[in-house]
Amino acid sequence: MAPISKALLQRSPRLSLRRASVADLEAMLEIGLAALPMDPQWDYRFPHRRAYPGDTQKYTRMRYREFLEDQHERWVVMLAEQRVAHDSLKPVAFAVWEVKNIRKKKTVQIQLEKNRKSL
């Protein structure tokens, strides 16, 4: 495996990463609708998106809102922003991770450790 460049590990002065919120919904929608049609699964999810672009936008917004308003901590959404002026940031990318199973696995590991200690 190739070593990781030190430049990749340094913080970027032009990009920042933070947890997304519902206030970021429209920016995420704009990014997603621009990028995801290049993904082959997009044709499967929205086979008639060219004829009904409003439906694609509506249901994508609903799904992203679901990720952002998650009450059960199933999803983690991170947003990358680019510095466009001294004090102005523009959202340029986002990532969504389903972490439910990761958390469940960690909880099970903690419980197993407790059980071992009690034996």
Protein backbone atom coordinates (compact mmCIF):
# COMPACT_ATOMS: atom_id res chain seq x y z
CA MET A 1 0.00 0.00 0.00
CA ALA A 2 1.35 3.44 -0.90
CA PRO A 3 2.26 5.78 1.96
CA ILE A 4 -0.07 8.69 2.63
CA SER A 5 1.35 12.01 1.52
CA LYS A 6 1.96 14.46 4.35
CA ALA A 7 0.18 17.08 2.27
CA LEU A 8 -3.03 15.02 2.47
CA LEU A 9 -2.85 14.96 6.26
CA GLN A 10 -2.46 18.73 6.64
CA ARG A 11 -5.49 20.92 7.15
CA SER A 12 -6.54 22.86 4.10
CA PRO A 13 -6.72 26.62 4.52
CA ARG A 14 -9.44 26.71 1.86
CA LEU A 15 -11.61 23.76 2.93
CA SER A 16 -13.29 23.03 6.21
CA LEU A 17 -15.34 20.06 7.35
CA ARG A 18 -18.23 20.13 9.80
CA ARG A 19 -21.37 18.24 10.72
CA ALA A 20 -24.27 19.27 8.48
CA SER A 21 -27.56 20.64 9.79
CA VAL A 22 -31.04 21.18 8.38
CA ALA A 23 -29.92 24.71 7.46
CA ASP A 24 -27.62 23.06 4.87
CA LEU A 25 -30.45 21.16 3.16
CA GLU A 26 -30.78 23.38 0.08
CA ALA A 27 -27.01 23.49 -0.49
CA MET A 28 -26.83 19.71 -0.19
CA LEU A 29 -29.72 19.36 -2.63
CA GLU A 30 -27.96 21.57 -5.16
CA ILE A 31 -24.72 19.58 -4.82
CA GLY A 32 -26.48 16.21 -4.95
CA LEU A 33 -28.63 17.01 -7.96
CA ALA A 34 -25.53 18.24 -9.82
CA ALA A 35 -23.35 15.24 -8.94
CA LEU A 36 -25.53 12.15 -8.54
CA PRO A 37 -26.88 11.84 -12.09
CA MET A 38 -23.36 10.64 -13.01
CA ASP A 39 -23.90 7.62 -10.73
CA PRO A 40 -25.52 4.63 -12.52
CA GLN A 41 -27.85 3.96 -9.56
CA TRP A 42 -29.45 7.37 -10.16
CA ASP A 43 -31.08 5.99 -13.35
CA TYR A 44 -32.54 3.18 -11.26
CA ARG A 45 -33.89 5.49 -8.54
CA PHE A 46 -35.27 8.12 -10.93
CA PRO A 47 -35.81 6.56 -14.37
CA HIS A 48 -38.12 9.43 -15.42
CA ARG A 49 -36.09 12.27 -13.89
CA ARG A 50 -35.77 14.13 -17.18
CA ALA A 51 -39.55 14.17 -17.70
CA TYR A 52 -40.30 14.97 -14.03
CA PRO A 53 -37.37 16.92 -12.56
CA GLY A 54 -39.61 18.34 -9.82
CA ASP A 55 -40.29 14.85 -8.49
CA THR A 56 -36.57 14.06 -8.40
CA GLN A 57 -35.91 17.26 -6.47
CA LYS A 58 -38.84 16.72 -4.08
CA TYR A 59 -37.94 13.14 -3.13
CA THR A 60 -34.22 13.82 -2.92
CA ARG A 61 -34.95 16.74 -0.56
CA MET A 62 -37.16 14.46 1.55
CA ARG A 63 -34.40 11.84 1.81
CA TYR A 64 -31.71 14.39 2.72
CA ARG A 65 -34.02 15.91 5.34
CA GLU A 66 -34.45 12.42 6.80
CA PHE A 67 -30.67 12.13 7.13
CA LEU A 68 -30.37 15.55 8.77
CA GLU A 69 -33.32 15.24 11.17
CA ASP A 70 -32.32 11.76 12.30
CA GLN A 71 -33.60 11.26 15.85
CA HIS A 72 -32.10 7.80 16.27
CA GLU A 73 -28.50 8.68 15.37
CA ARG A 74 -28.56 6.28 12.44
CA TRP A 75 -26.94 8.75 10.02
CA VAL A 76 -23.95 11.08 10.15
CA VAL A 77 -23.81 13.84 7.53
CA MET A 78 -20.64 15.88 7.05
CA LEU A 79 -20.34 18.98 4.89
CA ALA A 80 -17.19 20.33 3.22
CA GLU A 81 -17.05 24.07 2.69
CA GLN A 82 -14.65 26.11 0.60
CA ARG A 83 -13.46 29.53 1.72
CA VAL A 84 -14.50 31.92 -1.06
CA ALA A 85 -13.75 35.16 0.75
CA HIS A 86 -12.08 36.17 3.99
CA ASP A 87 -15.16 35.30 6.06
CA SER A 88 -17.40 33.47 3.58
CA LEU A 89 -17.78 29.71 3.15
CA LYS A 90 -19.53 27.89 0.30
CA PRO A 91 -20.70 24.26 0.64
CA VAL A 92 -18.98 22.17 -2.05
CA ALA A 93 -19.46 18.53 -1.00
CA PHE A 94 -21.13 16.31 1.56
CA ALA A 95 -21.01 12.71 2.72
CA VAL A 96 -23.64 10.56 4.43
CA TRP A 97 -22.72 7.54 6.52
CA GLU A 98 -25.09 5.01 8.03
CA VAL A 99 -23.56 4.41 11.45
CA LYS A 100 -26.35 2.44 13.14
CA ASN A 101 -24.56 -0.89 12.78
CA ILE A 102 -21.23 0.58 13.83
CA ARG A 103 -22.80 1.90 17.03
CA LYS A 104 -24.63 -1.38 17.59
CA LYS A 105 -21.38 -3.34 17.19
CA LYS A 106 -19.59 -1.04 19.64
CA THR A 107 -22.44 -1.41 22.16
CA VAL A 108 -22.25 -5.20 21.86
CA GLN A 109 -18.46 -5.10 22.36
CA ILE A 110 -18.84 -2.97 25.49
CA GLN A 111 -21.47 -5.36 26.87
CA LEU A 112 -19.24 -8.38 26.14
CA GLU A 113 -16.37 -6.70 27.98
CA LYS A 114 -18.61 -6.03 30.99
CA ASN A 115 -19.77 -9.63 30.97
CA ARG A 116 -16.18 -10.92 30.86
CA LYS A 117 -15.20 -8.71 33.79
CA SER A 118 -18.12 -9.97 35.87
CA LEU A 119 -17.13 -13.65 35.44
